[in-house]
Amino acid sequence: MTAPRPGRRGLVRPYVITEGRAHPTRDTFDLVTLVIATGAEPGALSPEKDRVLRLCRGGALSVAEVAGHLGIPVSVTKVLLGDLADDGLILTRSPVPSARPTEPRILQEVLDGLRARL
C-alpha cells in the first residue's frame, strides 16, 4: 500500500458521497439552475448535504456555484441536489429563459412606424 500524497488528506471518492449512484433521481439540473433551501428541518444528513443546505440558506446559488463551494464535481453535486429535492429540503428554479428572437417583419413595422412619426 502506498502512502497518501501530500495535500490529499481527507479525500472522499465521489461514489462514497453519492452512495454509488452516478445519476441524479431527476434530470432537471443545468449548471445555471438556481438552488434555494426551503428551511425545512432535515433529518440525519451527510456532511456534504448539510453543507449544501447551509450554503443555500443565504440565497439562491447556481448548481455550478454549489459544486465550486463544495469542491466536488458537478455530476456528484447533481446527485446530492436530487436527493435534497426529493426530500423537500431545497427548491430549484430555472433561470429566466432567454428572449426569443423577434421576427424581422415585426421589427420592420416598428421601424416604419417610427420613421412615419419623425
N, C-alpha and C. Protein backbone atom coordinates (compact mmCIF):
# COMPACT_ATOMS: atom_id res chain seq x y z
N MET A 1 0.84 -1.17 0.00
CA MET A 1 0.00 0.00 0.00
C MET A 1 0.89 1.24 0.00
N THR A 2 0.54 2.21 -0.81
CA THR A 2 1.35 3.42 -0.90
C THR A 2 0.88 4.45 0.10
N ALA A 3 1.80 5.29 0.48
CA ALA A 3 1.46 6.37 1.42
C ALA A 3 0.65 7.43 0.69
N PRO A 4 -0.29 8.08 1.39
CA PRO A 4 -1.06 9.14 0.74
C PRO A 4 -0.17 10.29 0.32
N ARG A 5 -0.53 10.88 -0.81
CA ARG A 5 0.24 12.02 -1.30
C ARG A 5 -0.08 13.26 -0.46
N PRO A 6 0.91 14.15 -0.33
CA PRO A 6 0.65 15.39 0.41
C PRO A 6 -0.49 16.18 -0.24
N GLY A 7 -1.31 16.78 0.58
CA GLY A 7 -2.41 17.60 0.07
C GLY A 7 -3.65 16.79 -0.27
N ARG A 8 -3.61 15.48 -0.12
CA ARG A 8 -4.74 14.63 -0.48
C ARG A 8 -5.43 14.05 0.76
N ARG A 9 -5.08 14.54 1.94
CA ARG A 9 -5.71 14.07 3.16
C ARG A 9 -7.19 14.39 3.14
N GLY A 10 -7.98 13.46 3.60
CA GLY A 10 -9.41 13.70 3.70
C GLY A 10 -10.14 13.58 2.37
N LEU A 11 -9.49 13.07 1.35
CA LEU A 11 -10.14 12.92 0.05
C LEU A 11 -11.21 11.85 0.13
N VAL A 12 -12.42 12.19 -0.28
CA VAL A 12 -13.52 11.24 -0.29
C VAL A 12 -13.88 11.00 -1.74
N ARG A 13 -13.92 9.77 -2.13
CA ARG A 13 -14.26 9.42 -3.51
C ARG A 13 -15.72 9.78 -3.81
N PRO A 14 -15.97 10.23 -5.05
CA PRO A 14 -17.34 10.62 -5.40
C PRO A 14 -18.37 9.51 -5.19
N TYR A 15 -18.02 8.26 -5.45
CA TYR A 15 -19.01 7.20 -5.29
C TYR A 15 -19.38 6.98 -3.82
N VAL A 16 -18.53 7.42 -2.92
CA VAL A 16 -18.87 7.35 -1.50
C VAL A 16 -19.89 8.42 -1.17
N ILE A 17 -19.68 9.62 -1.70
CA ILE A 17 -20.60 10.73 -1.44
C ILE A 17 -21.98 10.44 -2.00
N THR A 18 -22.04 9.82 -3.18
CA THR A 18 -23.33 9.57 -3.85
C THR A 18 -23.89 8.18 -3.54
N GLU A 19 -23.25 7.47 -2.65
CA GLU A 19 -23.67 6.11 -2.28
C GLU A 19 -23.70 5.20 -3.50
N GLY A 20 -22.72 5.37 -4.37
CA GLY A 20 -22.56 4.50 -5.53
C GLY A 20 -23.38 4.88 -6.74
N ARG A 21 -24.18 5.94 -6.66
CA ARG A 21 -25.02 6.33 -7.80
C ARG A 21 -24.27 7.29 -8.71
N ALA A 22 -24.50 7.16 -10.00
CA ALA A 22 -23.83 8.03 -10.96
C ALA A 22 -24.76 9.09 -11.53
N HIS A 23 -26.06 8.94 -11.35
CA HIS A 23 -27.03 9.86 -11.94
C HIS A 23 -28.02 10.33 -10.88
N PRO A 24 -28.46 11.59 -10.97
CA PRO A 24 -29.46 12.09 -10.02
C PRO A 24 -30.82 11.44 -10.27
N THR A 25 -31.68 11.49 -9.27
CA THR A 25 -33.02 10.91 -9.40
C THR A 25 -33.89 11.71 -10.36
N ARG A 26 -33.52 12.95 -10.61
CA ARG A 26 -34.24 13.78 -11.57
C ARG A 26 -33.22 14.46 -12.48
N ASP A 27 -33.59 14.66 -13.72
CA ASP A 27 -32.66 15.24 -14.69
C ASP A 27 -33.08 16.66 -15.01
N THR A 28 -33.17 17.49 -13.99
CA THR A 28 -33.65 18.85 -14.19
C THR A 28 -32.62 19.90 -13.84
N PHE A 29 -31.39 19.48 -13.61
CA PHE A 29 -30.36 20.41 -13.17
C PHE A 29 -29.42 20.79 -14.30
N ASP A 30 -29.38 22.07 -14.62
CA ASP A 30 -28.37 22.63 -15.51
C ASP A 30 -27.31 23.27 -14.62
N LEU A 31 -26.24 23.72 -15.23
CA LEU A 31 -25.22 24.42 -14.45
C LEU A 31 -25.75 25.70 -13.84
N VAL A 32 -26.74 26.31 -14.49
CA VAL A 32 -27.26 27.60 -14.02
C VAL A 32 -28.59 27.48 -13.28
N THR A 33 -29.06 26.26 -13.02
CA THR A 33 -30.27 26.08 -12.22
C THR A 33 -30.02 26.64 -10.83
N LEU A 34 -30.95 27.43 -10.33
CA LEU A 34 -30.80 28.06 -9.03
C LEU A 34 -31.34 27.14 -7.93
N VAL A 35 -30.62 27.09 -6.83
CA VAL A 35 -30.95 26.21 -5.71
C VAL A 35 -31.20 27.08 -4.47
N ILE A 36 -32.32 26.82 -3.79
CA ILE A 36 -32.69 27.58 -2.61
C ILE A 36 -33.11 26.59 -1.52
N ALA A 37 -32.61 26.75 -0.31
CA ALA A 37 -33.01 25.89 0.81
C ALA A 37 -34.43 26.27 1.24
N THR A 38 -35.24 25.27 1.57
CA THR A 38 -36.64 25.54 1.94
C THR A 38 -36.77 25.96 3.40
N GLY A 39 -35.80 25.64 4.21
CA GLY A 39 -35.90 25.95 5.63
C GLY A 39 -36.51 24.81 6.42
N ALA A 40 -36.91 23.72 5.73
CA ALA A 40 -37.45 22.56 6.43
C ALA A 40 -36.35 21.92 7.27
N GLU A 41 -36.73 21.34 8.38
CA GLU A 41 -35.76 20.70 9.26
C GLU A 41 -35.33 19.36 8.67
N PRO A 42 -34.05 19.21 8.39
CA PRO A 42 -33.58 17.94 7.84
C PRO A 42 -33.40 16.90 8.94
N GLY A 43 -33.42 15.65 8.52
CA GLY A 43 -33.08 14.56 9.44
C GLY A 43 -31.57 14.43 9.46
N ALA A 44 -31.10 13.22 9.62
CA ALA A 44 -29.66 12.97 9.60
C ALA A 44 -29.17 13.06 8.15
N LEU A 45 -28.24 13.96 7.89
CA LEU A 45 -27.73 14.16 6.54
C LEU A 45 -26.23 13.91 6.51
N SER A 46 -25.75 13.62 5.31
CA SER A 46 -24.31 13.50 5.13
C SER A 46 -23.71 14.89 5.28
N PRO A 47 -22.41 14.97 5.55
CA PRO A 47 -21.78 16.29 5.69
C PRO A 47 -21.93 17.16 4.43
N GLU A 48 -21.87 16.52 3.27
CA GLU A 48 -21.98 17.28 2.03
C GLU A 48 -23.39 17.86 1.85
N LYS A 49 -24.41 17.06 2.14
CA LYS A 49 -25.79 17.55 2.01
C LYS A 49 -26.05 18.67 3.03
N ASP A 50 -25.54 18.50 4.23
CA ASP A 50 -25.70 19.53 5.24
C ASP A 50 -25.04 20.83 4.79
N ARG A 51 -23.89 20.71 4.18
CA ARG A 51 -23.18 21.91 3.71
C ARG A 51 -23.95 22.59 2.58
N VAL A 52 -24.55 21.80 1.70
CA VAL A 52 -25.37 22.38 0.62
C VAL A 52 -26.49 23.21 1.22
N LEU A 53 -27.17 22.67 2.23
CA LEU A 53 -28.27 23.41 2.85
C LEU A 53 -27.78 24.70 3.50
N ARG A 54 -26.64 24.64 4.17
CA ARG A 54 -26.10 25.85 4.79
C ARG A 54 -25.73 26.89 3.74
N LEU A 55 -25.17 26.44 2.61
CA LEU A 55 -24.81 27.37 1.54
C LEU A 55 -26.03 28.05 0.94
N CYS A 56 -27.11 27.29 0.78
CA CYS A 56 -28.29 27.79 0.07
C CYS A 56 -29.28 28.50 0.97
N ARG A 57 -29.01 28.58 2.25
CA ARG A 57 -29.90 29.32 3.15
C ARG A 57 -29.74 30.83 2.97
N GLY A 58 -28.57 31.26 2.54
CA GLY A 58 -28.31 32.69 2.38
C GLY A 58 -28.89 33.27 1.12
N GLY A 59 -29.43 32.47 0.25
CA GLY A 59 -29.98 32.94 -1.01
C GLY A 59 -29.76 31.90 -2.09
N ALA A 60 -30.19 32.20 -3.27
CA ALA A 60 -30.08 31.25 -4.38
C ALA A 60 -28.65 31.16 -4.89
N LEU A 61 -28.21 29.93 -5.12
CA LEU A 61 -26.92 29.67 -5.75
C LEU A 61 -27.15 28.77 -6.95
N SER A 62 -26.34 28.92 -7.96
CA SER A 62 -26.44 28.02 -9.11
C SER A 62 -25.80 26.68 -8.78
N VAL A 63 -26.13 25.67 -9.55
CA VAL A 63 -25.55 24.34 -9.36
C VAL A 63 -24.03 24.42 -9.47
N ALA A 64 -23.54 25.20 -10.42
CA ALA A 64 -22.09 25.35 -10.59
C ALA A 64 -21.45 25.99 -9.36
N GLU A 65 -22.11 26.98 -8.77
CA GLU A 65 -21.58 27.63 -7.57
C GLU A 65 -21.55 26.66 -6.39
N VAL A 66 -22.61 25.87 -6.24
CA VAL A 66 -22.65 24.89 -5.16
C VAL A 66 -21.50 23.90 -5.31
N ALA A 67 -21.30 23.40 -6.53
CA ALA A 67 -20.21 22.46 -6.77
C ALA A 67 -18.86 23.10 -6.47
N GLY A 68 -18.69 24.35 -6.84
CA GLY A 68 -17.44 25.05 -6.58
C GLY A 68 -17.18 25.23 -5.09
N HIS A 69 -18.22 25.59 -4.33
CA HIS A 69 -18.06 25.76 -2.89
C HIS A 69 -17.74 24.43 -2.20
N LEU A 70 -18.36 23.35 -2.69
CA LEU A 70 -18.12 22.05 -2.09
C LEU A 70 -16.80 21.44 -2.53
N GLY A 71 -16.30 21.88 -3.69
CA GLY A 71 -15.07 21.32 -4.22
C GLY A 71 -15.24 19.91 -4.74
N ILE A 72 -16.43 19.61 -5.26
CA ILE A 72 -16.69 18.28 -5.83
C ILE A 72 -17.20 18.45 -7.25
N PRO A 73 -17.13 17.41 -8.07
CA PRO A 73 -17.60 17.52 -9.45
C PRO A 73 -19.09 17.86 -9.53
N VAL A 74 -19.47 18.51 -10.63
CA VAL A 74 -20.87 18.91 -10.83
C VAL A 74 -21.77 17.69 -10.87
N SER A 75 -21.32 16.59 -11.48
CA SER A 75 -22.15 15.39 -11.56
C SER A 75 -22.48 14.85 -10.17
N VAL A 76 -21.53 14.92 -9.26
CA VAL A 76 -21.77 14.47 -7.88
C VAL A 76 -22.73 15.45 -7.20
N THR A 77 -22.54 16.73 -7.44
CA THR A 77 -23.41 17.75 -6.86
C THR A 77 -24.85 17.55 -7.31
N LYS A 78 -25.06 17.20 -8.57
CA LYS A 78 -26.41 16.97 -9.07
C LYS A 78 -27.09 15.81 -8.37
N VAL A 79 -26.34 14.76 -8.05
CA VAL A 79 -26.91 13.62 -7.32
C VAL A 79 -27.34 14.07 -5.93
N LEU A 80 -26.49 14.83 -5.24
CA LEU A 80 -26.84 15.35 -3.92
C LEU A 80 -28.07 16.25 -3.97
N LEU A 81 -28.11 17.12 -4.97
CA LEU A 81 -29.25 18.04 -5.10
C LEU A 81 -30.53 17.29 -5.40
N GLY A 82 -30.45 16.25 -6.20
CA GLY A 82 -31.62 15.43 -6.49
C GLY A 82 -32.18 14.80 -5.22
N ASP A 83 -31.29 14.30 -4.36
CA ASP A 83 -31.73 13.71 -3.09
C ASP A 83 -32.39 14.76 -2.20
N LEU A 84 -31.77 15.94 -2.13
CA LEU A 84 -32.32 17.01 -1.29
C LEU A 84 -33.67 17.50 -1.82
N ALA A 85 -33.80 17.57 -3.13
CA ALA A 85 -35.07 17.99 -3.73
C ALA A 85 -36.15 16.93 -3.47
N ASP A 86 -35.78 15.66 -3.57
CA ASP A 86 -36.74 14.58 -3.30
C ASP A 86 -37.24 14.63 -1.86
N ASP A 87 -36.38 15.05 -0.95
CA ASP A 87 -36.74 15.14 0.47
C ASP A 87 -37.43 16.47 0.82
N GLY A 88 -37.59 17.35 -0.16
CA GLY A 88 -38.26 18.63 0.07
C GLY A 88 -37.42 19.64 0.82
N LEU A 89 -36.10 19.46 0.81
CA LEU A 89 -35.22 20.35 1.56
C LEU A 89 -34.70 21.52 0.72
N ILE A 90 -34.80 21.41 -0.61
CA ILE A 90 -34.41 22.50 -1.49
C ILE A 90 -35.47 22.70 -2.56
N LEU A 91 -35.49 23.90 -3.09
CA LEU A 91 -36.30 24.22 -4.26
C LEU A 91 -35.34 24.57 -5.38
N THR A 92 -35.69 24.23 -6.59
CA THR A 92 -34.86 24.60 -7.73
C THR A 92 -35.68 25.45 -8.67
N ARG A 93 -34.99 26.33 -9.33
CA ARG A 93 -35.66 27.22 -10.28
C ARG A 93 -34.75 27.43 -11.46
N SER A 94 -35.30 27.29 -12.63
CA SER A 94 -34.52 27.57 -13.82
C SER A 94 -34.33 29.07 -13.93
N PRO A 95 -33.20 29.49 -14.47
CA PRO A 95 -33.02 30.93 -14.64
C PRO A 95 -34.02 31.47 -15.67
N VAL A 96 -34.13 32.75 -15.73
CA VAL A 96 -35.04 33.37 -16.68
C VAL A 96 -34.64 32.95 -18.09
N PRO A 97 -35.59 32.43 -18.86
CA PRO A 97 -35.24 31.99 -20.21
C PRO A 97 -34.83 33.17 -21.09
N SER A 98 -33.94 32.90 -22.01
CA SER A 98 -33.52 33.96 -22.91
C SER A 98 -34.67 34.31 -23.85
N ALA A 99 -34.68 35.54 -24.26
CA ALA A 99 -35.75 36.02 -25.13
C ALA A 99 -35.64 35.37 -26.50
N ARG A 100 -36.79 35.10 -27.07
CA ARG A 100 -36.79 34.55 -28.43
C ARG A 100 -36.54 35.68 -29.41
N PRO A 101 -35.83 35.38 -30.47
CA PRO A 101 -35.59 36.44 -31.46
C PRO A 101 -36.90 36.93 -32.06
N THR A 102 -36.97 38.20 -32.29
CA THR A 102 -38.16 38.80 -32.86
C THR A 102 -38.14 38.60 -34.37
N GLU A 103 -39.32 38.45 -34.92
CA GLU A 103 -39.41 38.26 -36.37
C GLU A 103 -39.00 39.55 -37.08
N PRO A 104 -38.25 39.42 -38.18
CA PRO A 104 -37.82 40.62 -38.92
C PRO A 104 -38.98 41.48 -39.40
N ARG A 105 -40.12 40.85 -39.73
CA ARG A 105 -41.29 41.59 -40.20
C ARG A 105 -41.77 42.57 -39.12
N ILE A 106 -41.81 42.12 -37.86
CA ILE A 106 -42.27 42.99 -36.77
C ILE A 106 -41.30 44.14 -36.57
N LEU A 107 -40.00 43.85 -36.61
CA LEU A 107 -39.00 44.91 -36.47
C LEU A 107 -39.13 45.94 -37.59
N GLN A 108 -39.40 45.47 -38.80
CA GLN A 108 -39.55 46.39 -39.94
C GLN A 108 -40.77 47.27 -39.74
N GLU A 109 -41.88 46.71 -39.22
CA GLU A 109 -43.08 47.51 -38.98
C GLU A 109 -42.82 48.58 -37.91
N VAL A 110 -42.07 48.24 -36.88
CA VAL A 110 -41.74 49.21 -35.83
C VAL A 110 -40.89 50.32 -36.43
N LEU A 111 -39.89 49.95 -37.21
CA LEU A 111 -39.02 50.93 -37.85
C LEU A 111 -39.83 51.85 -38.77
N ASP A 112 -40.71 51.27 -39.58
CA ASP A 112 -41.55 52.08 -40.47
C ASP A 112 -42.44 53.03 -39.68
N GLY A 113 -43.00 52.56 -38.56
CA GLY A 113 -43.84 53.39 -37.72
C GLY A 113 -43.06 54.56 -37.12
N LEU A 114 -41.84 54.29 -36.67
CA LEU A 114 -41.01 55.37 -36.12
C LEU A 114 -40.64 56.38 -37.17
N ARG A 115 -40.29 55.91 -38.35
CA ARG A 115 -39.94 56.83 -39.44
C ARG A 115 -41.12 57.71 -39.83
N ALA A 116 -42.34 57.13 -39.79
CA ALA A 116 -43.53 57.89 -40.15
C ALA A 116 -43.81 59.00 -39.14
N ARG A 117 -43.46 58.77 -37.89
CA ARG A 117 -43.70 59.78 -36.84
C ARG A 117 -42.66 60.89 -36.87
N LEU A 118 -41.48 60.60 -37.38
CA LEU A 118 -40.42 61.61 -37.40
C LEU A 118 -40.49 62.33 -38.70
